[in-house]
Amino acid sequence: MFKSYKNNRKSFLLWGGSLGAIAIIATNFITAQSVSNDRRNQASSYDQTRGEHYPGRLPYSRVRPVSRGAEASAVSTVRMGSQPVRSQPSPTGFGPSHSTVIRDGLKYVIGSMSFPTGLRAHDGLLLEKIVPAEMMVGTPFSYEYRVTNLTPHPIHVVRLMDQVSSGFRIRQSVPQPASTAGGVVVWDIGKLEGNASRKVRIQGVAAAEGIVTTCGWATYSPVLCEPIRIVKASLQVVKNGPAEVSICDPIQYTIRVKNTGSSTLTGVRLVERMDDGVSLEGRGEVAFDIGTLEPGETRQVAVSARAERTGTFVNRVMATSAQGVTAEDSVSTVVLAPEIAVSCEAPKVRFIGRPVEVCFKVANQGSAVADNAAVEALVPEGGSVRGVTGGGRIVGDRIQWNLGELAPGENKAVCAQLIFGTAGIFRLAGQVQADCVDPVRTVCQTEIRGVPGVLLEVIDLGDPIEVGATGTYEITVTNQGTAMDTNIAIQCVLEPAQEFVSASGATRGVEVEPRIIRFPPLPSLAPKQIARWRVVVRAVSREDVRFKVTLKTDQISRPVEETEATNQY
């Protein structure tokens, strides 16, 4: 039902009802007799900040709405320029209030009302509207609504309705209405935040002279909301470790476990399992109690393991919690190791006093770098160092080389020159050491031999010899070489002008045939040693004779011959 009130040539149309009742502001605009036709044709608004007129715009910003807590019948004063205008109160303290404002001779009517009760002190929504009091037939004009949330809390399902008499035709609305059925234009404002406002602007034209009435009302729904937090349990574990590691180095793992959900996790536990060949203090499985993890919280655990052999090993970790969520991760690590091989090269036979070159060849046949590789060789007794290569140095009876870093597949060789003063078989021992490998040894040997070198000398101790007298020949054999001479055999041959008398010396000689004297072989003659023999002959005729001596040993392939001239008179 509704009632009609008239006051000061303005009428208000009210709808009553329950909490959702609608109050309709019915404003009958009054023709302002003091406004000339020229003024009416120049309907314009005044921009507050710039002091300019814009046709079709409304001076809404110049109006101060009644504050929340003021009753609908309260009197408010609105200033426009220097001309104050008083608002007209509601006669009952309930319903709409309105005021007028005049600017440059144009009158605007401003109406406001709260919803849903019409008592602003108890309502949550304020509806304000500004319209021109008078316009020319056929001239487009605009009016505007402002919907304000009077509470500091959001309100929902806000709707604005506007009903205009049939003499007015709407051309445009900003924003667009949700519906226009039954002559009622509806805007769905939706949710309105606390103390927030929304504006709706309508533009249209009146087709005929008379009164155009626009009635607006608004509804909303207070909503009681209580949040219920729905959480999710989620767990993440990430394990990091080296892709490759030397067998001599520890395998450093880090495990990060994170609560990636929105609920608190309790009883969080990490269990780490290692492949056979990798262990942590002799254990293949290790557990860590993490405890409670709040959402977003992360814990980190460091693990240091050892590999017992080379190969590829997978280390796995599982995270569990009392809430039943789990997570897993794994890391694959290749364990590498250097492997050193060494060989010794030396000549099989060399002679005394000649240099013997001994070389050690070192190779890394493993999969990891061998750091601080070094070679050490022992100089055999009886040998002396003549020179070294590769930066070697002599320390007492040893030769040392520092090879430094030896990459996988890399080879290095170092050599030394030795000299031996005696014959024999000499063993040359070398050893290679490096980080992360056991020492590797090698041995090679060289036979040192002497060089045979005999000297045969024959002289006559009395020259010339008188016929019928005796003379003596001295035979000297010297081992000038470095090898032992063996089976030294001497044979002497006389010419017919001489005859054999006797033979003596290192061995006792005999005349095996006429004028041929042989000495039994001397078993051996050491280097630098001398052996002597003497042969006594008689001159039997006058002659210039030649005494011939032949020497044979095991070490020479051809006989050595020597003759001595003697003049017999």
Protein backbone atom coordinates (compact mmCIF):
# COMPACT_ATOMS: atom_id res chain seq x y z
CA MET A 1 0.00 0.00 0.00
CA PHE A 2 1.11 3.59 -0.31
CA LYS A 3 0.20 7.11 0.91
CA SER A 4 0.55 10.44 -0.87
CA TYR A 5 1.83 13.51 0.89
CA LYS A 6 1.96 17.07 -0.43
CA ASN A 7 4.16 19.68 1.06
CA ASN A 8 5.50 22.90 -0.49
CA ARG A 9 4.35 21.82 -3.92
CA LYS A 10 6.37 18.55 -3.63
CA SER A 11 4.85 15.14 -3.20
CA PHE A 12 6.44 11.96 -1.75
CA LEU A 13 5.30 8.50 -2.55
CA LEU A 14 6.13 5.90 0.10
CA TRP A 15 5.93 2.20 0.05
CA GLY A 16 5.81 0.51 3.44
CA GLY A 17 6.32 -3.08 4.43
CA SER A 18 8.60 -5.36 6.35
CA LEU A 19 12.45 -5.15 6.49
CA GLY A 20 12.63 -5.45 2.71
CA ALA A 21 9.96 -2.74 2.12
CA ILE A 22 10.70 -0.24 -0.60
CA ALA A 23 10.46 3.49 -0.15
CA ILE A 24 9.94 5.43 -3.31
CA ILE A 25 11.11 8.93 -3.63
CA ALA A 26 8.56 10.79 -5.68
CA THR A 27 9.74 14.23 -6.58
CA ASN A 28 7.51 16.64 -8.46
CA PHE A 29 9.68 19.23 -9.94
CA ILE A 30 8.52 22.82 -9.66
CA THR A 31 8.69 25.20 -12.50
CA ALA A 32 11.00 27.99 -11.56
CA GLN A 33 9.24 31.18 -12.74
CA SER A 34 12.31 33.24 -12.18
CA VAL A 35 14.30 31.37 -14.74
CA SER A 36 14.16 32.81 -18.23
CA ASN A 37 13.76 30.74 -21.39
CA ASP A 38 17.37 31.47 -22.29
CA ARG A 39 18.52 30.00 -18.99
CA ARG A 40 16.40 26.90 -19.50
CA ASN A 41 17.92 26.31 -22.89
CA GLN A 42 21.41 26.47 -21.37
CA ALA A 43 21.00 23.75 -18.72
CA SER A 44 24.56 23.24 -17.51
CA SER A 45 26.56 22.21 -14.47
CA TYR A 46 29.37 23.86 -12.66
CA ASP A 47 32.71 22.11 -12.25
CA GLN A 48 33.80 22.67 -8.67
CA THR A 49 37.54 22.47 -9.26
CA ARG A 50 37.80 24.44 -12.49
CA GLY A 51 34.86 26.90 -12.28
CA GLU A 52 33.58 25.94 -15.75
CA HIS A 53 30.17 25.02 -17.11
CA TYR A 54 29.58 21.73 -18.94
CA PRO A 55 26.21 21.24 -20.62
CA GLY A 56 24.43 18.11 -19.41
CA ARG A 57 26.62 17.56 -16.29
CA LEU A 58 25.12 17.75 -12.82
CA PRO A 59 26.67 19.67 -9.91
CA TYR A 60 26.55 16.61 -7.64
CA SER A 61 29.92 17.23 -6.13
CA ARG A 62 28.66 20.49 -4.67
CA VAL A 63 26.12 18.68 -2.50
CA ARG A 64 27.02 17.36 0.89
CA PRO A 65 24.92 14.28 1.75
CA VAL A 66 23.39 13.99 5.20
CA SER A 67 25.79 12.10 7.43
CA ARG A 68 24.98 8.69 8.83
CA GLY A 69 23.25 9.06 12.14
CA ALA A 70 21.17 12.04 11.05
CA GLU A 71 17.43 11.42 10.80
CA ALA A 72 15.62 11.80 7.49
CA SER A 73 13.89 14.88 8.80
CA ALA A 74 17.10 16.65 9.71
CA VAL A 75 17.72 20.05 8.19
CA SER A 76 20.91 20.47 6.22
CA THR A 77 22.40 23.49 4.53
CA VAL A 78 23.89 23.18 1.05
CA ARG A 79 26.14 25.88 -0.36
CA MET A 80 26.47 26.57 -4.09
CA GLY A 81 28.82 29.47 -4.71
CA SER A 82 27.81 32.22 -2.23
CA GLN A 83 24.08 31.39 -2.10
CA PRO A 84 22.97 29.09 0.77
CA VAL A 85 19.84 26.95 0.35
CA ARG A 86 18.09 25.12 3.20
CA SER A 87 16.96 21.55 2.94
CA GLN A 88 13.29 20.70 3.45
CA PRO A 89 12.85 18.17 6.26
CA SER A 90 10.44 15.28 6.37
CA PRO A 91 7.43 16.19 8.50
CA THR A 92 7.42 12.81 10.30
CA GLY A 93 11.20 12.15 10.78
CA PHE A 94 10.74 9.25 8.42
CA GLY A 95 11.22 9.08 4.67
CA PRO A 96 13.08 11.18 2.19
CA SER A 97 14.75 14.53 2.62
CA HIS A 98 15.43 16.93 -0.14
CA SER A 99 17.08 20.21 -0.93
CA THR A 100 17.46 22.56 -3.85
CA VAL A 101 20.50 24.30 -5.18
CA ILE A 102 20.61 27.20 -7.65
CA ARG A 103 23.58 27.98 -9.78
CA ASP A 104 23.72 30.58 -12.59
CA GLY A 105 19.94 30.75 -12.44
CA LEU A 106 19.42 26.95 -12.87
CA LYS A 107 17.72 24.99 -10.10
CA TYR A 108 18.55 21.40 -9.16
CA VAL A 109 16.67 19.22 -6.74
CA ILE A 110 18.60 16.81 -4.52
CA GLY A 111 16.75 14.03 -2.76
CA SER A 112 18.02 11.33 -0.38
CA MET A 113 16.56 8.46 1.57
CA SER A 114 17.93 5.51 3.55
CA PHE A 115 16.92 1.89 3.20
CA PRO A 116 15.31 -0.39 4.21
CA THR A 117 13.44 1.48 7.02
CA GLY A 118 13.69 5.09 5.94
CA LEU A 119 15.33 5.93 9.29
CA ARG A 120 18.89 6.73 8.44
CA ALA A 121 20.26 6.05 11.92
CA HIS A 122 19.13 2.43 11.62
CA ASP A 123 19.71 1.77 7.91
CA GLY A 124 22.65 0.45 5.96
CA LEU A 125 22.08 1.98 2.53
CA LEU A 126 21.69 5.60 1.44
CA LEU A 127 20.19 6.52 -1.94
CA GLU A 128 20.79 10.05 -3.23
CA LYS A 129 19.51 11.58 -6.46
CA ILE A 130 20.03 14.90 -8.22
CA VAL A 131 17.72 16.05 -11.00
CA PRO A 132 17.17 19.35 -12.85
CA ALA A 133 14.06 21.13 -11.63
CA GLU A 134 12.99 22.16 -15.12
CA MET A 135 13.95 21.31 -18.70
CA MET A 136 12.70 22.21 -22.22
CA VAL A 137 10.60 19.78 -24.26
CA GLY A 138 12.81 17.73 -26.60
CA THR A 139 16.06 18.82 -24.92
CA PRO A 140 18.13 15.86 -23.62
CA PHE A 141 18.98 16.05 -19.92
CA SER A 142 20.53 13.79 -17.28
CA TYR A 143 19.91 12.87 -13.68
CA GLU A 144 22.07 10.80 -11.38
CA TYR A 145 21.84 8.34 -8.47
CA ARG A 146 24.45 7.64 -5.87
CA VAL A 147 24.19 4.50 -3.74
CA THR A 148 26.29 4.56 -0.52
CA ASN A 149 27.01 1.83 2.02
CA LEU A 150 26.48 3.52 5.41
CA THR A 151 28.24 0.73 7.28
CA PRO A 152 31.93 -0.13 7.51
CA HIS A 153 31.14 -3.68 6.39
CA PRO A 154 30.38 -5.05 2.95
CA ILE A 155 26.75 -5.47 1.94
CA HIS A 156 25.59 -7.78 -0.81
CA VAL A 157 22.99 -8.12 -3.57
CA VAL A 158 22.61 -4.35 -3.86
CA ARG A 159 19.99 -3.42 -6.47
CA LEU A 160 18.82 0.02 -7.66
CA MET A 161 15.40 0.48 -9.26
CA ASP A 162 14.13 3.55 -11.09
CA GLN A 163 10.65 4.17 -12.43
CA VAL A 164 9.95 7.22 -14.62
CA SER A 165 6.56 8.42 -15.82
CA SER A 166 5.61 7.72 -19.40
CA GLY A 167 6.47 11.21 -20.63
CA PHE A 168 10.22 10.50 -20.35
CA ARG A 169 12.22 8.27 -22.70
CA ILE A 170 15.62 6.96 -21.56
CA ARG A 171 18.30 7.18 -24.20
CA GLN A 172 21.40 6.09 -22.30
CA SER A 173 22.45 4.72 -18.91
CA VAL A 174 25.92 4.36 -17.37
CA PRO A 175 26.24 1.62 -16.34
CA GLN A 176 23.84 -0.36 -18.47
CA PRO A 177 20.79 -1.65 -16.55
CA ALA A 178 20.25 -5.34 -15.89
CA SER A 179 16.60 -5.14 -16.97
CA THR A 180 13.90 -2.67 -18.04
CA ALA A 181 10.81 -4.85 -17.72
CA GLY A 182 7.47 -3.38 -16.65
CA GLY A 183 8.63 0.22 -16.86
CA VAL A 184 11.13 -0.33 -14.02
CA VAL A 185 14.82 -0.01 -14.80
CA VAL A 186 16.99 -2.26 -12.59
CA TRP A 187 20.73 -2.03 -11.95
CA ASP A 188 22.48 -4.90 -10.16
CA ILE A 189 25.14 -3.18 -8.08
CA GLY A 190 26.14 -6.44 -6.40
CA LYS A 191 28.60 -6.21 -3.52
CA LEU A 192 29.32 -2.80 -2.02
CA GLU A 193 32.31 -2.51 0.27
CA GLY A 194 32.10 -0.66 3.59
CA ASN A 195 31.41 3.09 3.18
CA ALA A 196 31.77 2.73 -0.57
CA SER A 197 29.55 4.41 -3.19
CA ARG A 198 28.43 3.68 -6.73
CA LYS A 199 26.91 6.12 -9.23
CA VAL A 200 24.30 5.55 -11.93
CA ARG A 201 23.71 8.18 -14.58
CA ILE A 202 20.58 8.29 -16.76
CA GLN A 203 20.12 10.45 -19.85
CA GLY A 204 16.86 10.96 -21.68
CA VAL A 205 14.36 13.41 -23.17
CA ALA A 206 10.80 14.50 -22.36
CA ALA A 207 8.49 14.29 -25.37
CA ALA A 208 5.72 16.59 -24.12
CA GLU A 209 5.09 19.46 -21.76
CA GLY A 210 4.06 18.48 -18.26
CA ILE A 211 5.48 16.79 -15.16
CA VAL A 212 8.01 13.97 -15.40
CA THR A 213 8.28 11.98 -12.19
CA THR A 214 11.24 9.69 -11.44
CA CYS A 215 11.03 7.36 -8.44
CA GLY A 216 13.98 5.38 -7.16
CA TRP A 217 14.49 2.75 -4.46
CA ALA A 218 17.14 0.29 -3.47
CA THR A 219 17.43 -3.07 -1.76
CA TYR A 220 20.30 -5.11 -0.33
CA SER A 221 20.97 -8.22 1.71
CA PRO A 222 23.10 -8.24 4.87
CA VAL A 223 25.17 -11.43 4.82
CA LEU A 224 26.58 -13.22 7.85
CA CYS A 225 29.79 -15.00 6.88
CA GLU A 226 31.94 -17.26 9.04
CA PRO A 227 35.17 -18.63 7.51
CA ILE A 228 35.96 -22.33 7.78
CA ARG A 229 39.60 -22.97 6.97
CA ILE A 230 40.14 -26.03 4.81
CA VAL A 231 43.76 -27.13 4.92
CA LYS A 232 45.80 -29.58 2.92
CA ALA A 233 48.71 -31.67 4.11
CA SER A 234 51.62 -31.74 1.67
CA LEU A 235 55.28 -32.60 2.06
CA GLN A 236 58.29 -32.04 -0.18
CA VAL A 237 61.78 -33.48 0.13
CA VAL A 238 64.74 -32.52 -2.06
CA LYS A 239 68.09 -34.25 -1.92
CA ASN A 240 71.25 -32.80 -3.45
CA GLY A 241 74.62 -34.43 -3.91
CA PRO A 242 77.59 -34.47 -6.27
CA ALA A 243 77.24 -36.08 -9.68
CA GLU A 244 80.84 -37.33 -9.40
CA VAL A 245 83.18 -37.80 -6.48
CA SER A 246 86.60 -39.32 -5.87
CA ILE A 247 86.66 -42.49 -3.81
CA CYS A 248 89.00 -40.79 -1.35
CA ASP A 249 86.60 -37.91 -0.70
CA PRO A 250 83.40 -38.06 1.36
CA ILE A 251 80.09 -37.84 -0.49
CA GLN A 252 78.36 -34.75 0.89
CA TYR A 253 74.55 -34.87 0.68
CA THR A 254 72.04 -32.21 1.76
CA ILE A 255 68.39 -33.05 2.39
CA ARG A 256 65.76 -30.31 2.56
CA VAL A 257 62.29 -31.20 3.75
CA LYS A 258 59.52 -28.60 3.44
CA ASN A 259 55.90 -28.38 4.51
CA THR A 260 54.35 -27.30 1.22
CA GLY A 261 50.79 -27.64 2.50
CA SER A 262 48.57 -25.40 4.59
CA SER A 263 48.34 -27.60 7.70
CA THR A 264 50.87 -28.24 10.44
CA LEU A 265 52.74 -31.52 10.03
CA THR A 266 53.87 -33.51 13.05
CA GLY A 267 56.11 -36.50 13.47
CA VAL A 268 58.08 -35.66 10.34
CA ARG A 269 60.83 -38.24 9.80
CA LEU A 270 63.51 -38.77 7.16
CA VAL A 271 64.81 -42.23 6.27
CA GLU A 272 67.88 -42.38 4.00
CA ARG A 273 68.82 -45.60 2.23
CA MET A 274 72.15 -46.08 0.45
CA ASP A 275 73.18 -48.56 -2.22
CA ASP A 276 75.55 -51.35 -1.31
CA GLY A 277 79.06 -49.91 -1.50
CA VAL A 278 78.19 -46.58 0.15
CA SER A 279 77.67 -46.20 3.87
CA LEU A 280 77.40 -43.67 6.66
CA GLU A 281 79.62 -44.80 9.53
CA GLY A 282 79.19 -48.37 8.36
CA ARG A 283 75.40 -48.17 8.10
CA GLY A 284 73.40 -48.39 4.92
CA GLU A 285 70.24 -46.80 6.39
CA VAL A 286 69.99 -43.68 8.55
CA ALA A 287 66.90 -42.00 10.06
CA PHE A 288 66.41 -38.40 11.20
CA ASP A 289 63.51 -37.20 13.36
CA ILE A 290 62.51 -33.73 12.19
CA GLY A 291 59.47 -33.27 14.42
CA THR A 292 56.92 -30.55 13.64
CA LEU A 293 56.86 -28.44 10.49
CA GLU A 294 54.61 -25.43 10.19
CA PRO A 295 53.22 -24.51 6.74
CA GLY A 296 56.05 -23.21 4.58
CA GLU A 297 58.73 -24.24 7.09
CA THR A 298 61.88 -25.95 5.81
CA ARG A 299 64.52 -28.02 7.61
CA GLN A 300 67.86 -29.13 6.22
CA VAL A 301 70.00 -32.14 7.12
CA ALA A 302 73.61 -32.72 6.03
CA VAL A 303 74.90 -36.24 5.46
CA SER A 304 78.50 -37.30 4.78
CA ALA A 305 78.88 -40.82 3.34
CA ARG A 306 81.83 -42.87 2.14
CA ALA A 307 82.17 -45.06 -0.93
CA GLU A 308 83.96 -48.38 -0.63
CA ARG A 309 84.44 -48.93 -4.33
CA THR A 310 83.95 -47.26 -7.67
CA GLY A 311 80.71 -47.33 -9.60
CA THR A 312 77.34 -45.58 -9.82
CA PHE A 313 75.34 -45.41 -6.60
CA VAL A 314 71.79 -44.18 -5.97
CA ASN A 315 71.03 -42.65 -2.60
CA ARG A 316 67.31 -42.45 -1.72
CA VAL A 317 65.46 -40.52 0.96
CA MET A 318 61.83 -40.75 2.09
CA ALA A 319 60.00 -38.20 4.23
CA THR A 320 56.94 -39.24 6.27
CA SER A 321 54.62 -37.52 8.72
CA ALA A 322 51.94 -38.42 11.27
CA GLN A 323 49.33 -37.02 8.87
CA GLY A 324 50.14 -39.78 6.37
CA VAL A 325 51.71 -37.66 3.64
CA THR A 326 55.04 -38.82 2.19
CA ALA A 327 57.64 -37.60 -0.28
CA GLU A 328 60.68 -39.19 -1.91
CA ASP A 329 63.78 -38.09 -3.78
CA SER A 330 67.04 -39.66 -4.88
CA VAL A 331 70.51 -38.69 -6.10
CA SER A 332 72.78 -40.69 -8.39
CA THR A 333 76.52 -40.31 -7.80
CA VAL A 334 79.39 -41.78 -9.82
CA VAL A 335 82.34 -42.71 -7.62
CA LEU A 336 85.69 -42.37 -9.43
CA ALA A 337 89.21 -43.45 -8.49
CA PRO A 338 92.70 -42.95 -9.91
CA GLU A 339 94.63 -46.08 -10.87
CA ILE A 340 98.38 -45.75 -11.31
CA ALA A 341 100.53 -48.05 -13.47
CA VAL A 342 104.30 -47.75 -13.74
CA SER A 343 106.91 -49.49 -15.86
CA CYS A 344 110.69 -49.38 -15.90
CA GLU A 345 112.77 -49.44 -19.06
CA ALA A 346 116.54 -50.04 -19.09
CA PRO A 347 119.00 -51.73 -21.51
CA LYS A 348 119.58 -55.40 -20.88
CA VAL A 349 123.35 -55.18 -21.36
CA ARG A 350 125.75 -52.27 -21.03
CA PHE A 351 129.48 -52.06 -20.58
CA ILE A 352 131.41 -50.77 -17.64
CA GLY A 353 131.87 -47.02 -17.77
CA ARG A 354 129.14 -46.49 -20.34
CA PRO A 355 125.98 -44.53 -19.36
CA VAL A 356 122.87 -46.58 -18.62
CA GLU A 357 119.57 -44.74 -19.24
CA VAL A 358 116.75 -45.88 -16.97
CA CYS A 359 113.23 -44.52 -17.64
CA PHE A 360 110.07 -44.83 -15.56
CA LYS A 361 106.77 -44.45 -17.40
CA VAL A 362 103.75 -43.57 -15.22
CA ALA A 363 100.14 -43.80 -16.46
CA ASN A 364 96.82 -43.00 -14.78
CA GLN A 365 94.55 -45.79 -15.94
CA GLY A 366 91.72 -44.83 -13.55
CA SER A 367 88.68 -42.57 -13.79
CA ALA A 368 89.76 -39.78 -11.41
CA VAL A 369 92.67 -37.37 -11.25
CA ALA A 370 95.74 -38.57 -9.37
CA ASP A 371 97.02 -35.62 -7.38
CA ASN A 372 100.59 -35.18 -6.09
CA ALA A 373 102.00 -38.05 -8.14
CA ALA A 374 105.70 -38.69 -7.47
CA VAL A 375 108.36 -41.20 -8.55
CA GLU A 376 111.28 -42.36 -6.43
CA ALA A 377 114.12 -44.63 -7.66
CA LEU A 378 116.93 -46.24 -5.68
CA VAL A 379 120.42 -45.98 -7.14
CA PRO A 380 122.04 -49.46 -6.97
CA GLU A 381 125.30 -49.87 -5.11
CA GLY A 382 128.17 -49.52 -7.53
CA GLY A 383 126.32 -47.01 -9.69
CA SER A 384 126.45 -43.25 -9.81
CA VAL A 385 124.03 -40.69 -11.29
CA ARG A 386 125.27 -38.84 -14.33
CA GLY A 387 122.06 -36.89 -15.11
CA VAL A 388 118.25 -36.77 -14.69
CA THR A 389 115.32 -35.46 -16.74
CA GLY A 390 111.86 -34.17 -15.81
CA GLY A 391 113.02 -32.00 -12.94
CA GLY A 392 114.33 -34.89 -10.87
CA ARG A 393 116.58 -34.30 -7.89
CA ILE A 394 119.12 -36.49 -6.14
CA VAL A 395 118.58 -37.06 -2.44
CA GLY A 396 121.24 -39.36 -1.01
CA ASP A 397 121.10 -42.65 -2.85
CA ARG A 398 117.67 -41.87 -4.32
CA ILE A 399 116.30 -39.95 -7.28
CA GLN A 400 112.94 -38.18 -6.82
CA TRP A 401 110.53 -36.71 -9.40
CA ASN A 402 107.40 -34.70 -8.63
CA LEU A 403 104.83 -35.34 -11.40
CA GLY A 404 102.04 -33.21 -9.90
CA GLU A 405 98.54 -33.86 -11.24
CA LEU A 406 97.95 -36.84 -13.47
CA ALA A 407 94.61 -36.78 -15.30
CA PRO A 408 92.77 -39.96 -16.31
CA GLY A 409 94.49 -41.45 -19.35
CA GLU A 410 97.54 -39.21 -18.96
CA ASN A 411 101.11 -40.58 -19.18
CA LYS A 412 104.40 -39.12 -18.01
CA ALA A 413 107.97 -40.42 -18.29
CA VAL A 414 111.11 -39.52 -16.34
CA CYS A 415 114.65 -40.78 -16.93
CA ALA A 416 118.05 -40.95 -15.28
CA GLN A 417 121.54 -41.81 -16.55
CA LEU A 418 123.67 -44.07 -14.40
CA ILE A 419 127.28 -45.26 -14.72
CA PHE A 420 128.61 -48.51 -13.26
CA GLY A 421 132.28 -49.17 -12.53
CA THR A 422 132.04 -52.91 -12.13
CA ALA A 423 130.51 -55.71 -14.05
CA GLY A 424 127.45 -57.47 -12.78
CA ILE A 425 123.66 -57.51 -12.87
CA PHE A 426 122.11 -54.41 -11.30
CA ARG A 427 118.47 -54.13 -10.25
CA LEU A 428 116.83 -50.72 -10.63
CA ALA A 429 113.77 -50.31 -8.35
CA GLY A 430 111.22 -47.49 -8.65
CA GLN A 431 108.05 -46.54 -6.75
CA VAL A 432 105.16 -44.23 -7.63
CA GLN A 433 102.95 -42.55 -5.03
CA ALA A 434 99.87 -40.31 -5.43
CA ASP A 435 96.91 -39.15 -3.39
CA CYS A 436 94.14 -41.70 -3.09
CA VAL A 437 96.22 -44.64 -4.41
CA ASP A 438 98.49 -47.22 -2.82
CA PRO A 439 102.19 -47.08 -3.78
CA VAL A 440 103.01 -48.92 -7.02
CA ARG A 441 106.47 -50.47 -7.51
CA THR A 442 108.48 -51.64 -10.49
CA VAL A 443 111.94 -53.18 -11.05
CA CYS A 444 114.15 -53.50 -14.10
CA GLN A 445 117.72 -54.74 -14.41
CA THR A 446 120.79 -54.26 -16.58
CA GLU A 447 123.81 -56.51 -17.00
CA ILE A 448 127.02 -54.54 -16.88
CA ARG A 449 129.85 -56.18 -18.75
CA GLY A 450 133.55 -55.43 -19.06
CA VAL A 451 135.31 -54.89 -22.43
CA PRO A 452 138.24 -57.20 -23.17
CA GLY A 453 141.48 -55.43 -24.11
CA VAL A 454 144.81 -57.37 -23.97
CA LEU A 455 148.24 -55.99 -24.71
CA LEU A 456 151.06 -58.35 -25.88
CA GLU A 457 154.66 -57.13 -25.54
CA VAL A 458 157.86 -59.03 -26.47
CA ILE A 459 161.41 -57.74 -25.88
CA ASP A 460 164.87 -59.32 -25.97
CA LEU A 461 166.90 -58.67 -22.89
CA GLY A 462 170.28 -58.84 -24.67
CA ASP A 463 170.77 -57.72 -28.24
CA PRO A 464 173.06 -58.48 -30.12
CA ILE A 465 173.90 -62.06 -29.18
CA GLU A 466 177.23 -63.69 -29.96
CA VAL A 467 177.00 -67.05 -31.73
CA GLY A 468 177.13 -69.79 -29.17
CA ALA A 469 175.81 -67.54 -26.41
CA THR A 470 172.25 -67.47 -24.95
CA GLY A 471 169.70 -64.77 -25.03
CA THR A 472 166.41 -64.18 -23.17
CA TYR A 473 163.09 -62.98 -24.52
CA GLU A 474 160.46 -61.54 -22.06
CA ILE A 475 156.79 -61.87 -22.96
CA THR A 476 154.29 -59.54 -21.16
CA VAL A 477 150.49 -59.77 -21.39
CA THR A 478 148.43 -56.90 -19.87
CA ASN A 479 144.63 -56.89 -19.47
CA GLN A 480 143.90 -53.30 -20.44
CA GLY A 481 140.12 -53.85 -20.66
CA THR A 482 137.33 -53.97 -18.11
CA ALA A 483 136.50 -57.64 -18.48
CA MET A 484 138.27 -60.65 -17.13
CA ASP A 485 140.51 -62.39 -19.67
CA THR A 486 140.45 -66.20 -19.49
CA ASN A 487 142.54 -69.02 -20.93
CA ILE A 488 145.46 -66.88 -21.97
CA ALA A 489 147.61 -69.13 -24.20
CA ILE A 490 151.15 -68.25 -25.43
CA GLN A 491 153.06 -69.93 -28.29
CA CYS A 492 156.60 -69.06 -29.45
CA VAL A 493 158.30 -69.93 -32.79
CA LEU A 494 162.11 -69.91 -33.27
CA GLU A 495 164.00 -69.52 -36.53
CA PRO A 496 166.72 -72.14 -37.53
CA ALA A 497 169.50 -69.81 -36.34
CA GLN A 498 168.33 -70.35 -32.76
CA GLU A 499 167.65 -73.30 -30.50
CA PHE A 500 165.41 -73.61 -27.42
CA VAL A 501 167.07 -73.66 -24.00
CA SER A 502 164.29 -73.10 -21.38
CA ALA A 503 160.91 -71.44 -20.66
CA SER A 504 159.38 -70.03 -17.44
CA GLY A 505 156.78 -67.55 -16.23
CA ALA A 506 153.07 -67.50 -15.32
CA THR A 507 152.91 -70.99 -16.75
CA ARG A 508 155.77 -73.37 -17.60
CA GLY A 509 156.36 -73.74 -21.32
CA VAL A 510 157.65 -76.76 -23.23
CA GLU A 511 158.99 -77.37 -26.74
CA VAL A 512 156.22 -79.36 -28.34
CA GLU A 513 157.94 -79.47 -31.72
CA PRO A 514 161.39 -78.43 -32.87
CA ARG A 515 161.63 -74.64 -32.32
CA ILE A 516 157.89 -74.38 -31.20
CA ILE A 517 157.36 -73.60 -27.50
CA ARG A 518 153.88 -73.60 -25.97
CA PHE A 519 152.78 -72.44 -22.53
CA PRO A 520 149.71 -74.02 -20.88
CA PRO A 521 146.77 -71.51 -20.80
CA LEU A 522 146.68 -69.12 -17.87
CA PRO A 523 143.14 -69.57 -16.46
CA SER A 524 142.36 -65.88 -16.00
CA LEU A 525 143.75 -62.41 -15.99
CA ALA A 526 141.81 -59.70 -14.20
CA PRO A 527 141.42 -56.20 -15.63
CA LYS A 528 144.60 -54.16 -15.29
CA GLN A 529 146.58 -57.28 -14.28
CA ILE A 530 149.87 -58.37 -15.94
CA ALA A 531 151.25 -61.83 -16.67
CA ARG A 532 154.90 -62.49 -17.78
CA TRP A 533 156.80 -65.33 -19.41
CA ARG A 534 160.53 -65.80 -20.39
CA VAL A 535 162.11 -67.93 -23.09
CA VAL A 536 165.91 -68.62 -23.20
CA VAL A 537 167.49 -69.45 -26.61
CA ARG A 538 171.07 -70.07 -27.96
CA ALA A 539 172.41 -68.47 -31.09
CA VAL A 540 173.69 -71.20 -33.36
CA SER A 541 174.63 -69.09 -36.39
CA ARG A 542 175.16 -65.58 -37.49
CA GLU A 543 171.79 -64.15 -38.54
CA ASP A 544 169.28 -61.29 -38.21
CA VAL A 545 166.52 -63.40 -36.62
CA ARG A 546 162.87 -62.81 -35.70
CA PHE A 547 161.37 -64.26 -32.47
CA LYS A 548 157.62 -64.70 -33.01
CA VAL A 549 154.94 -64.89 -30.21
CA THR A 550 151.21 -65.70 -30.68
CA LEU A 551 148.55 -64.92 -27.99
CA LYS A 552 145.04 -66.39 -27.76
CA THR A 553 142.28 -65.81 -25.11
CA ASP A 554 138.60 -66.62 -24.78
CA GLN A 555 137.66 -62.97 -25.17
CA ILE A 556 139.31 -62.33 -28.56
CA SER A 557 138.29 -63.93 -31.79
CA ARG A 558 141.64 -63.63 -33.61
CA PRO A 559 145.18 -64.38 -32.33
CA VAL A 560 147.47 -61.53 -31.40
CA GLU A 561 150.99 -61.83 -32.88
CA GLU A 562 154.18 -60.04 -31.98
CA THR A 563 157.84 -60.45 -33.20
CA GLU A 564 161.13 -59.26 -31.81
CA ALA A 565 164.28 -58.78 -33.98
CA THR A 566 167.65 -59.96 -32.68
CA ASN A 567 171.03 -59.57 -34.32
CA GLN A 568 173.28 -62.64 -33.88
CA TYR A 569 177.02 -62.20 -34.75
